[in-house]
N, C-alpha and C. Protein backbone atom coordinates (compact mmCIF):
# COMPACT_ATOMS: atom_id res chain seq x y z
N UNK A 1 19.00 -13.14 -19.13
CA UNK A 1 18.05 -13.18 -20.12
C UNK A 1 19.00 -12.26 -21.19
N UNK A 2 18.80 -12.89 -22.46
CA UNK A 2 19.65 -12.17 -23.59
C UNK A 2 18.34 -11.32 -24.02
N UNK A 3 18.66 -10.01 -23.63
CA UNK A 3 17.78 -8.91 -24.09
C UNK A 3 17.79 -8.72 -25.73
N UNK A 4 18.95 -8.70 -26.17
CA UNK A 4 19.01 -8.49 -27.67
C UNK A 4 18.26 -9.53 -28.33
N UNK A 5 18.51 -10.80 -27.99
CA UNK A 5 18.06 -11.96 -28.76
C UNK A 5 16.37 -11.76 -28.69
N UNK A 6 15.90 -11.53 -27.42
CA UNK A 6 14.57 -11.23 -27.38
C UNK A 6 14.00 -10.29 -28.05
N UNK A 7 14.93 -9.01 -28.01
CA UNK A 7 14.51 -7.93 -28.89
C UNK A 7 14.32 -8.19 -30.39
N UNK A 8 14.88 -9.06 -30.91
CA UNK A 8 14.90 -9.42 -32.33
C UNK A 8 13.78 -10.26 -32.62
N UNK A 9 13.15 -10.80 -31.74
CA UNK A 9 11.63 -11.35 -31.92
C UNK A 9 10.93 -10.30 -32.35
N UNK A 10 10.98 -9.06 -31.77
CA UNK A 10 9.81 -7.82 -31.90
C UNK A 10 10.39 -7.50 -33.46
N UNK A 11 11.56 -7.26 -33.59
CA UNK A 11 12.08 -6.73 -34.80
C UNK A 11 11.91 -7.20 -36.09
N UNK A 12 11.84 -8.73 -35.91
CA UNK A 12 11.65 -9.64 -36.94
C UNK A 12 10.19 -10.13 -37.27
N UNK A 13 9.20 -9.31 -36.68
CA UNK A 13 7.79 -9.51 -36.71
C UNK A 13 6.99 -8.10 -36.92
N UNK A 14 7.02 -7.90 -38.27
CA UNK A 14 6.17 -6.44 -38.53
C UNK A 14 5.00 -6.15 -38.02
N UNK A 15 4.19 -7.35 -37.63
CA UNK A 15 2.96 -6.97 -37.33
C UNK A 15 2.75 -7.09 -35.56
N UNK A 16 3.81 -7.44 -34.91
CA UNK A 16 3.70 -7.46 -33.45
C UNK A 16 3.89 -6.21 -33.12
N UNK A 17 2.81 -5.62 -32.02
CA UNK A 17 3.12 -4.45 -31.52
C UNK A 17 4.01 -4.55 -30.26
N UNK A 18 4.43 -3.39 -30.00
CA UNK A 18 5.39 -3.31 -28.67
C UNK A 18 4.98 -3.87 -27.37
N UNK A 19 3.57 -3.46 -27.19
CA UNK A 19 3.10 -3.70 -26.12
C UNK A 19 2.85 -5.14 -26.03
N UNK A 20 2.39 -5.82 -27.02
CA UNK A 20 2.28 -7.02 -27.15
C UNK A 20 3.52 -8.12 -26.85
N UNK A 21 4.53 -7.53 -27.47
CA UNK A 21 5.79 -8.28 -27.31
C UNK A 21 6.22 -8.16 -25.77
N UNK A 22 6.13 -7.15 -25.14
CA UNK A 22 6.50 -6.72 -23.96
C UNK A 22 5.78 -7.61 -22.82
N UNK A 23 4.43 -7.52 -23.17
CA UNK A 23 3.48 -8.44 -22.17
C UNK A 23 4.16 -9.78 -22.05
N UNK A 24 4.71 -10.25 -23.00
CA UNK A 24 5.07 -11.84 -22.99
C UNK A 24 6.11 -12.20 -21.82
N UNK A 25 6.69 -11.15 -21.27
CA UNK A 25 7.89 -11.30 -20.28
C UNK A 25 7.47 -10.84 -18.79
N UNK A 26 8.31 -11.56 -18.02
CA UNK A 26 7.91 -11.21 -16.46
C UNK A 26 8.19 -9.74 -16.53
N UNK A 27 7.35 -9.31 -15.54
CA UNK A 27 7.33 -7.62 -15.26
C UNK A 27 8.68 -7.05 -14.92
N UNK A 28 9.34 -8.10 -14.10
CA UNK A 28 10.71 -7.48 -13.73
C UNK A 28 11.73 -7.45 -15.00
N UNK A 29 11.56 -8.04 -15.93
CA UNK A 29 12.30 -8.14 -16.80
C UNK A 29 12.17 -6.77 -18.01
N UNK A 30 10.78 -6.48 -17.62
CA UNK A 30 10.59 -5.19 -18.91
C UNK A 30 11.31 -3.95 -18.81
N UNK A 31 11.91 -3.27 -17.63
CA UNK A 31 12.52 -2.13 -17.89
C UNK A 31 13.84 -2.54 -18.42
N UNK A 32 14.54 -3.76 -18.40
CA UNK A 32 15.64 -3.84 -19.05
C UNK A 32 15.27 -4.12 -20.63
N UNK A 33 14.36 -4.85 -20.94
CA UNK A 33 13.91 -4.97 -22.24
C UNK A 33 13.70 -3.58 -22.99
N UNK A 34 12.73 -2.65 -22.44
CA UNK A 34 12.39 -1.16 -22.58
C UNK A 34 13.62 -0.51 -23.34
N UNK A 35 14.68 -0.60 -22.32
CA UNK A 35 15.92 0.20 -22.49
C UNK A 35 16.65 -0.53 -23.69
N UNK A 36 16.50 -1.54 -23.76
CA UNK A 36 17.26 -2.42 -24.77
C UNK A 36 16.89 -1.97 -26.39
N UNK A 37 15.39 -2.11 -26.20
CA UNK A 37 14.59 -1.45 -27.30
C UNK A 37 14.88 -0.12 -27.64
N UNK A 38 14.99 0.76 -26.53
CA UNK A 38 15.30 2.38 -26.74
C UNK A 38 16.79 2.37 -27.54
N UNK A 39 17.67 1.72 -27.04
CA UNK A 39 19.16 1.90 -27.36
C UNK A 39 19.09 1.39 -29.09
N UNK A 40 18.24 0.31 -29.24
CA UNK A 40 18.57 -0.22 -30.78
C UNK A 40 17.69 0.97 -31.64
N UNK A 41 16.54 1.45 -31.04
CA UNK A 41 15.86 2.17 -32.05
C UNK A 41 16.61 3.63 -31.94
N UNK A 42 17.19 4.16 -30.98
CA UNK A 42 17.99 5.47 -31.19
C UNK A 42 19.13 5.16 -32.23
N UNK A 43 19.75 4.20 -32.33
CA UNK A 43 20.75 3.87 -32.91
C UNK A 43 20.13 4.00 -34.58
N UNK A 44 19.19 3.35 -34.66
CA UNK A 44 18.48 3.50 -36.15
C UNK A 44 17.98 4.71 -36.45
N UNK A 45 17.30 5.37 -35.53
CA UNK A 45 16.87 6.93 -35.71
C UNK A 45 17.91 7.59 -36.26
N UNK A 46 19.16 7.67 -35.46
CA UNK A 46 20.46 8.23 -35.89
C UNK A 46 20.89 8.01 -37.22
N UNK A 47 20.91 6.93 -37.61
CA UNK A 47 21.51 6.30 -38.91
C UNK A 47 20.56 6.89 -39.99
N UNK A 48 19.08 7.33 -39.81
CA UNK A 48 18.40 7.49 -40.93
C UNK A 48 18.01 9.15 -40.55
N UNK A 49 18.63 9.43 -39.53
CA UNK A 49 18.29 10.91 -39.32
C UNK A 49 16.94 11.37 -39.03
N UNK A 50 16.41 10.55 -38.13
CA UNK A 50 14.87 10.91 -37.85
C UNK A 50 14.96 11.36 -36.09
N UNK A 51 15.43 12.62 -36.15
CA UNK A 51 15.57 13.29 -34.92
C UNK A 51 14.21 13.57 -33.88
N UNK A 52 13.16 13.57 -34.59
CA UNK A 52 11.88 13.50 -33.66
C UNK A 52 11.53 12.09 -33.06
N UNK A 53 12.00 11.02 -33.76
CA UNK A 53 12.09 9.93 -33.08
C UNK A 53 12.71 9.64 -31.80
N UNK A 54 13.78 10.44 -31.85
CA UNK A 54 14.87 10.22 -30.82
C UNK A 54 14.20 10.92 -29.55
N UNK A 55 13.54 12.11 -29.98
CA UNK A 55 12.95 12.82 -28.86
C UNK A 55 11.88 12.07 -28.05
N UNK A 56 11.01 11.38 -28.93
CA UNK A 56 9.91 10.60 -28.64
C UNK A 56 10.47 9.22 -27.68
N UNK A 57 11.52 8.76 -28.16
CA UNK A 57 12.02 7.54 -27.28
C UNK A 57 12.54 7.83 -25.91
N UNK A 58 12.88 9.00 -25.73
CA UNK A 58 13.06 9.47 -24.26
C UNK A 58 12.15 9.07 -23.44
N UNK A 59 10.75 9.23 -23.80
CA UNK A 59 9.60 8.69 -22.92
C UNK A 59 9.60 7.43 -22.44
N UNK A 60 10.56 6.49 -23.29
CA UNK A 60 10.68 4.98 -22.55
C UNK A 60 11.38 5.04 -21.35
N UNK A 61 12.43 6.10 -20.97
CA UNK A 61 13.06 5.87 -19.66
C UNK A 61 11.96 6.10 -18.60
N UNK A 62 11.02 6.86 -18.82
CA UNK A 62 9.99 7.16 -18.01
C UNK A 62 9.12 5.90 -17.55
N UNK A 63 8.75 5.20 -18.64
CA UNK A 63 7.97 4.10 -18.73
C UNK A 63 8.75 2.94 -17.89
N UNK A 64 10.13 2.64 -18.22
CA UNK A 64 10.99 1.67 -17.52
C UNK A 64 10.95 2.14 -15.99
N UNK A 65 11.28 3.49 -15.72
CA UNK A 65 11.41 3.68 -14.22
C UNK A 65 9.95 3.38 -13.78
N UNK A 66 8.59 3.74 -14.27
CA UNK A 66 7.32 3.41 -13.82
C UNK A 66 7.34 1.96 -13.26
N UNK A 67 7.48 1.09 -14.52
CA UNK A 67 7.54 -0.39 -14.37
C UNK A 67 8.36 -1.07 -13.24
N UNK A 68 9.64 -0.17 -13.27
CA UNK A 68 10.42 -0.48 -12.18
C UNK A 68 9.96 -0.08 -10.64
N UNK A 69 9.53 0.94 -10.69
CA UNK A 69 8.69 1.20 -9.10
C UNK A 69 7.52 0.51 -9.03
N UNK A 70 6.86 0.19 -9.86
CA UNK A 70 5.62 -0.56 -9.51
C UNK A 70 6.26 -2.03 -8.99
N UNK A 71 7.38 -2.47 -9.53
CA UNK A 71 7.56 -4.01 -9.44
C UNK A 71 8.11 -3.97 -8.10
N UNK A 72 8.77 -2.95 -7.73
CA UNK A 72 9.51 -2.71 -6.43
C UNK A 72 8.47 -2.59 -5.26
N UNK A 73 7.41 -1.61 -5.62
CA UNK A 73 6.45 -1.40 -4.51
C UNK A 73 5.52 -2.78 -4.26
N UNK A 74 5.45 -3.49 -5.54
CA UNK A 74 4.59 -4.60 -5.26
C UNK A 74 5.33 -5.79 -4.48
N UNK A 75 6.71 -5.91 -4.78
CA UNK A 75 7.51 -6.97 -3.96
C UNK A 75 7.23 -6.46 -2.42
N UNK A 76 7.70 -5.19 -2.19
CA UNK A 76 7.42 -4.76 -0.82
C UNK A 76 6.31 -5.13 -0.12
N UNK A 77 5.31 -4.87 -0.73
CA UNK A 77 3.80 -4.97 -0.39
C UNK A 77 3.64 -6.57 0.11
N UNK A 78 4.08 -7.24 -0.96
CA UNK A 78 4.11 -8.97 -0.91
C UNK A 78 4.83 -9.26 0.43
N UNK A 79 6.15 -8.73 0.41
CA UNK A 79 6.88 -9.26 1.64
C UNK A 79 6.65 -8.53 3.10
N UNK A 80 5.89 -7.60 3.04
CA UNK A 80 5.19 -6.83 4.27
C UNK A 80 4.08 -7.86 4.68
N UNK A 81 3.29 -8.49 3.82
CA UNK A 81 2.03 -9.38 4.08
C UNK A 81 2.77 -10.65 4.53
N UNK A 82 3.94 -11.05 3.77
CA UNK A 82 4.26 -12.41 4.33
C UNK A 82 5.00 -12.10 5.71
N UNK A 83 5.64 -11.13 5.97
CA UNK A 83 6.00 -10.94 7.39
C UNK A 83 4.98 -10.90 8.33
N UNK A 84 3.97 -10.32 8.18
CA UNK A 84 2.80 -9.98 9.08
C UNK A 84 2.38 -11.45 9.16
N UNK A 85 2.13 -12.41 8.29
CA UNK A 85 1.77 -13.70 8.37
C UNK A 85 2.59 -14.60 9.28
N UNK A 86 3.87 -14.51 8.94
CA UNK A 86 5.14 -15.16 9.76
C UNK A 86 4.97 -14.82 11.27
N UNK A 87 4.77 -13.50 11.78
CA UNK A 87 4.84 -13.20 12.85
C UNK A 87 3.51 -13.66 13.74
N UNK A 88 2.37 -13.38 13.02
CA UNK A 88 1.25 -14.14 13.37
C UNK A 88 1.17 -15.63 13.75
N UNK A 89 2.06 -16.45 12.68
CA UNK A 89 2.27 -17.84 12.88
C UNK A 89 2.95 -17.93 14.29
N UNK A 90 3.91 -17.17 14.44
CA UNK A 90 4.96 -17.64 15.65
C UNK A 90 4.27 -17.13 16.84
N UNK A 91 3.05 -16.40 16.97
CA UNK A 91 2.25 -16.02 18.06
C UNK A 91 1.39 -17.24 18.33
N UNK A 92 0.73 -17.92 17.17
CA UNK A 92 -0.05 -18.85 17.35
C UNK A 92 0.64 -20.25 17.76
N UNK A 93 1.79 -20.53 17.37
CA UNK A 93 2.58 -21.51 18.05
C UNK A 93 2.94 -21.30 19.36
N UNK A 94 3.24 -20.01 19.68
CA UNK A 94 3.69 -19.64 21.23
C UNK A 94 2.32 -19.96 22.14
N UNK A 95 1.17 -19.51 21.58
CA UNK A 95 -0.21 -19.81 22.40
C UNK A 95 -0.42 -21.43 22.20
N UNK A 96 -0.38 -21.89 21.05
CA UNK A 96 -0.49 -23.36 21.27
C UNK A 96 0.51 -24.21 22.28
N UNK A 97 1.62 -23.70 22.42
CA UNK A 97 2.59 -24.19 23.37
C UNK A 97 2.22 -23.86 24.67
N UNK A 98 1.64 -22.84 25.13
CA UNK A 98 1.03 -22.47 26.18
C UNK A 98 -0.03 -23.30 26.59
N UNK A 99 -0.96 -23.50 25.64
CA UNK A 99 -2.13 -24.23 25.85
C UNK A 99 -1.73 -25.50 26.37
N UNK A 100 -0.89 -26.38 25.50
CA UNK A 100 -0.34 -27.58 25.63
C UNK A 100 0.06 -27.94 27.06
N UNK A 101 1.02 -26.89 27.42
CA UNK A 101 1.61 -27.10 28.70
C UNK A 101 0.91 -26.75 29.85
N UNK A 102 -0.35 -26.43 29.68
CA UNK A 102 -1.21 -26.24 30.95
C UNK A 102 -1.82 -27.50 31.25
N UNK A 103 -1.98 -27.95 32.51
CA UNK A 103 -2.42 -29.10 33.04
C UNK A 103 -3.98 -28.85 33.33
N UNK A 104 -4.39 -27.64 33.46
CA UNK A 104 -5.87 -27.49 34.10
C UNK A 104 -6.75 -27.04 32.89
N UNK A 105 -7.91 -27.02 33.10
CA UNK A 105 -8.74 -26.44 32.23
C UNK A 105 -8.74 -24.87 32.18
N UNK A 106 -8.29 -24.20 33.32
CA UNK A 106 -8.12 -22.85 33.34
C UNK A 106 -6.85 -22.38 32.95
N UNK A 107 -6.59 -21.59 32.06
CA UNK A 107 -5.18 -20.98 31.82
C UNK A 107 -5.36 -19.75 32.28
N UNK A 108 -4.19 -19.09 32.68
CA UNK A 108 -3.82 -17.76 33.14
C UNK A 108 -3.24 -17.05 31.89
N UNK A 109 -3.85 -16.09 31.18
CA UNK A 109 -3.50 -15.20 30.31
C UNK A 109 -2.91 -13.86 30.51
N UNK A 110 -1.77 -13.62 30.25
CA UNK A 110 -1.14 -12.29 30.38
C UNK A 110 -1.85 -11.40 29.20
N UNK A 111 -1.79 -10.18 29.51
CA UNK A 111 -2.24 -8.93 28.95
C UNK A 111 -1.64 -8.97 27.26
N UNK A 112 -0.37 -9.65 27.29
CA UNK A 112 0.26 -9.76 26.03
C UNK A 112 -0.35 -10.71 25.22
N UNK A 113 -0.62 -12.02 25.55
CA UNK A 113 -1.08 -13.06 25.17
C UNK A 113 -2.62 -12.68 24.67
N UNK A 114 -3.21 -12.02 25.38
CA UNK A 114 -4.72 -11.61 25.03
C UNK A 114 -4.62 -10.73 23.94
N UNK A 115 -3.46 -9.90 23.78
CA UNK A 115 -3.51 -8.91 22.87
C UNK A 115 -2.96 -9.46 21.53
N UNK A 116 -2.18 -10.72 21.72
CA UNK A 116 -1.89 -11.36 20.45
C UNK A 116 -3.11 -12.06 19.90
N UNK A 117 -3.74 -12.81 20.90
CA UNK A 117 -5.18 -13.68 20.63
C UNK A 117 -5.89 -12.48 19.88
N UNK A 118 -6.26 -11.52 20.27
CA UNK A 118 -7.14 -10.00 19.47
C UNK A 118 -6.44 -10.09 18.14
N UNK A 119 -5.38 -9.92 17.91
CA UNK A 119 -4.68 -9.64 16.71
C UNK A 119 -4.98 -10.71 15.89
N UNK A 120 -4.82 -11.92 16.23
CA UNK A 120 -4.84 -13.10 15.39
C UNK A 120 -6.33 -13.01 14.83
N UNK A 121 -7.28 -13.07 15.82
CA UNK A 121 -8.87 -12.86 15.47
C UNK A 121 -9.04 -11.70 14.45
N UNK A 122 -8.46 -10.67 14.82
CA UNK A 122 -8.64 -9.37 13.89
C UNK A 122 -8.25 -9.72 12.53
N UNK A 123 -7.25 -10.48 12.58
CA UNK A 123 -6.37 -10.74 11.01
C UNK A 123 -7.37 -11.67 10.23
N UNK A 124 -7.83 -12.75 10.99
CA UNK A 124 -8.46 -13.72 10.38
C UNK A 124 -10.05 -13.29 9.91
N UNK A 125 -10.43 -12.28 10.91
CA UNK A 125 -11.69 -11.75 10.36
C UNK A 125 -11.58 -10.82 9.18
N UNK A 126 -10.43 -10.14 9.16
CA UNK A 126 -10.42 -9.39 7.95
C UNK A 126 -10.06 -9.95 6.48
N UNK A 127 -9.58 -11.23 6.73
CA UNK A 127 -9.15 -12.08 5.55
C UNK A 127 -10.22 -13.04 5.32
N UNK A 128 -11.48 -12.99 5.90
CA UNK A 128 -12.68 -13.91 5.69
C UNK A 128 -12.21 -15.13 6.17
N UNK A 129 -11.40 -15.56 7.44
CA UNK A 129 -10.85 -16.91 7.55
C UNK A 129 -11.50 -17.14 9.21
N UNK A 130 -12.27 -16.31 9.66
CA UNK A 130 -12.62 -16.35 10.91
C UNK A 130 -13.79 -17.35 11.08
N UNK A 131 -13.82 -18.32 11.98
CA UNK A 131 -14.72 -19.27 12.17
C UNK A 131 -15.25 -19.14 13.29
N UNK A 132 -16.40 -18.57 13.52
CA UNK A 132 -17.16 -18.35 14.88
C UNK A 132 -17.36 -19.17 15.88
N UNK A 133 -17.55 -20.51 15.15
CA UNK A 133 -17.78 -21.72 15.84
C UNK A 133 -16.76 -22.19 16.64
N UNK A 134 -15.38 -22.15 15.93
CA UNK A 134 -14.33 -22.37 16.52
C UNK A 134 -13.76 -21.48 17.54
N UNK A 135 -14.07 -20.38 17.55
CA UNK A 135 -13.55 -19.43 18.61
C UNK A 135 -14.73 -19.13 19.89
N UNK A 136 -15.60 -19.83 19.66
CA UNK A 136 -16.61 -19.64 20.47
C UNK A 136 -16.18 -19.84 21.96
N UNK A 137 -15.64 -20.67 22.42
CA UNK A 137 -14.91 -20.92 23.79
C UNK A 137 -14.20 -19.92 24.22
N UNK A 138 -13.46 -18.93 23.38
CA UNK A 138 -12.84 -17.89 23.83
C UNK A 138 -13.37 -16.66 23.56
N UNK A 139 -14.53 -16.57 23.00
CA UNK A 139 -15.24 -15.28 22.59
C UNK A 139 -15.13 -14.19 23.83
N UNK A 140 -15.44 -14.75 25.12
CA UNK A 140 -15.44 -13.78 26.27
C UNK A 140 -14.10 -12.86 26.45
N UNK A 141 -13.15 -13.66 25.85
CA UNK A 141 -11.76 -13.03 26.03
C UNK A 141 -11.45 -11.85 24.71
N UNK A 142 -12.12 -12.02 23.89
CA UNK A 142 -12.10 -11.20 22.35
C UNK A 142 -12.86 -10.02 22.81
């Protein structure tokens, strides 16, 4: 992204507020946009001798850091949930294979499979996806 060109949009519109301008962009771009804004405004403040504004502009570093940390934390949480779902999907596929390979109505389940089954049900319940009717035949195992 050409941050300087994007900054020109803000600088060319006297009525646009900084927050309004910044909210138009994806959050992961905001720290760089903020720092570009700071750089331009620092240069301008030095040119006109407005040293009070220079001090105030230092707060933008903290804002950029907060947004960057928020973005990293958000993506990490999403990745963690994705990994959890992928692990559960693998367990479900393994159980499906076990059930499909069994010739009899009676299937011997190991403690590991029972633990996985309970983990899947717990996840489904916690996300409002549990269908009691569907799980009724296995209720005695849970």
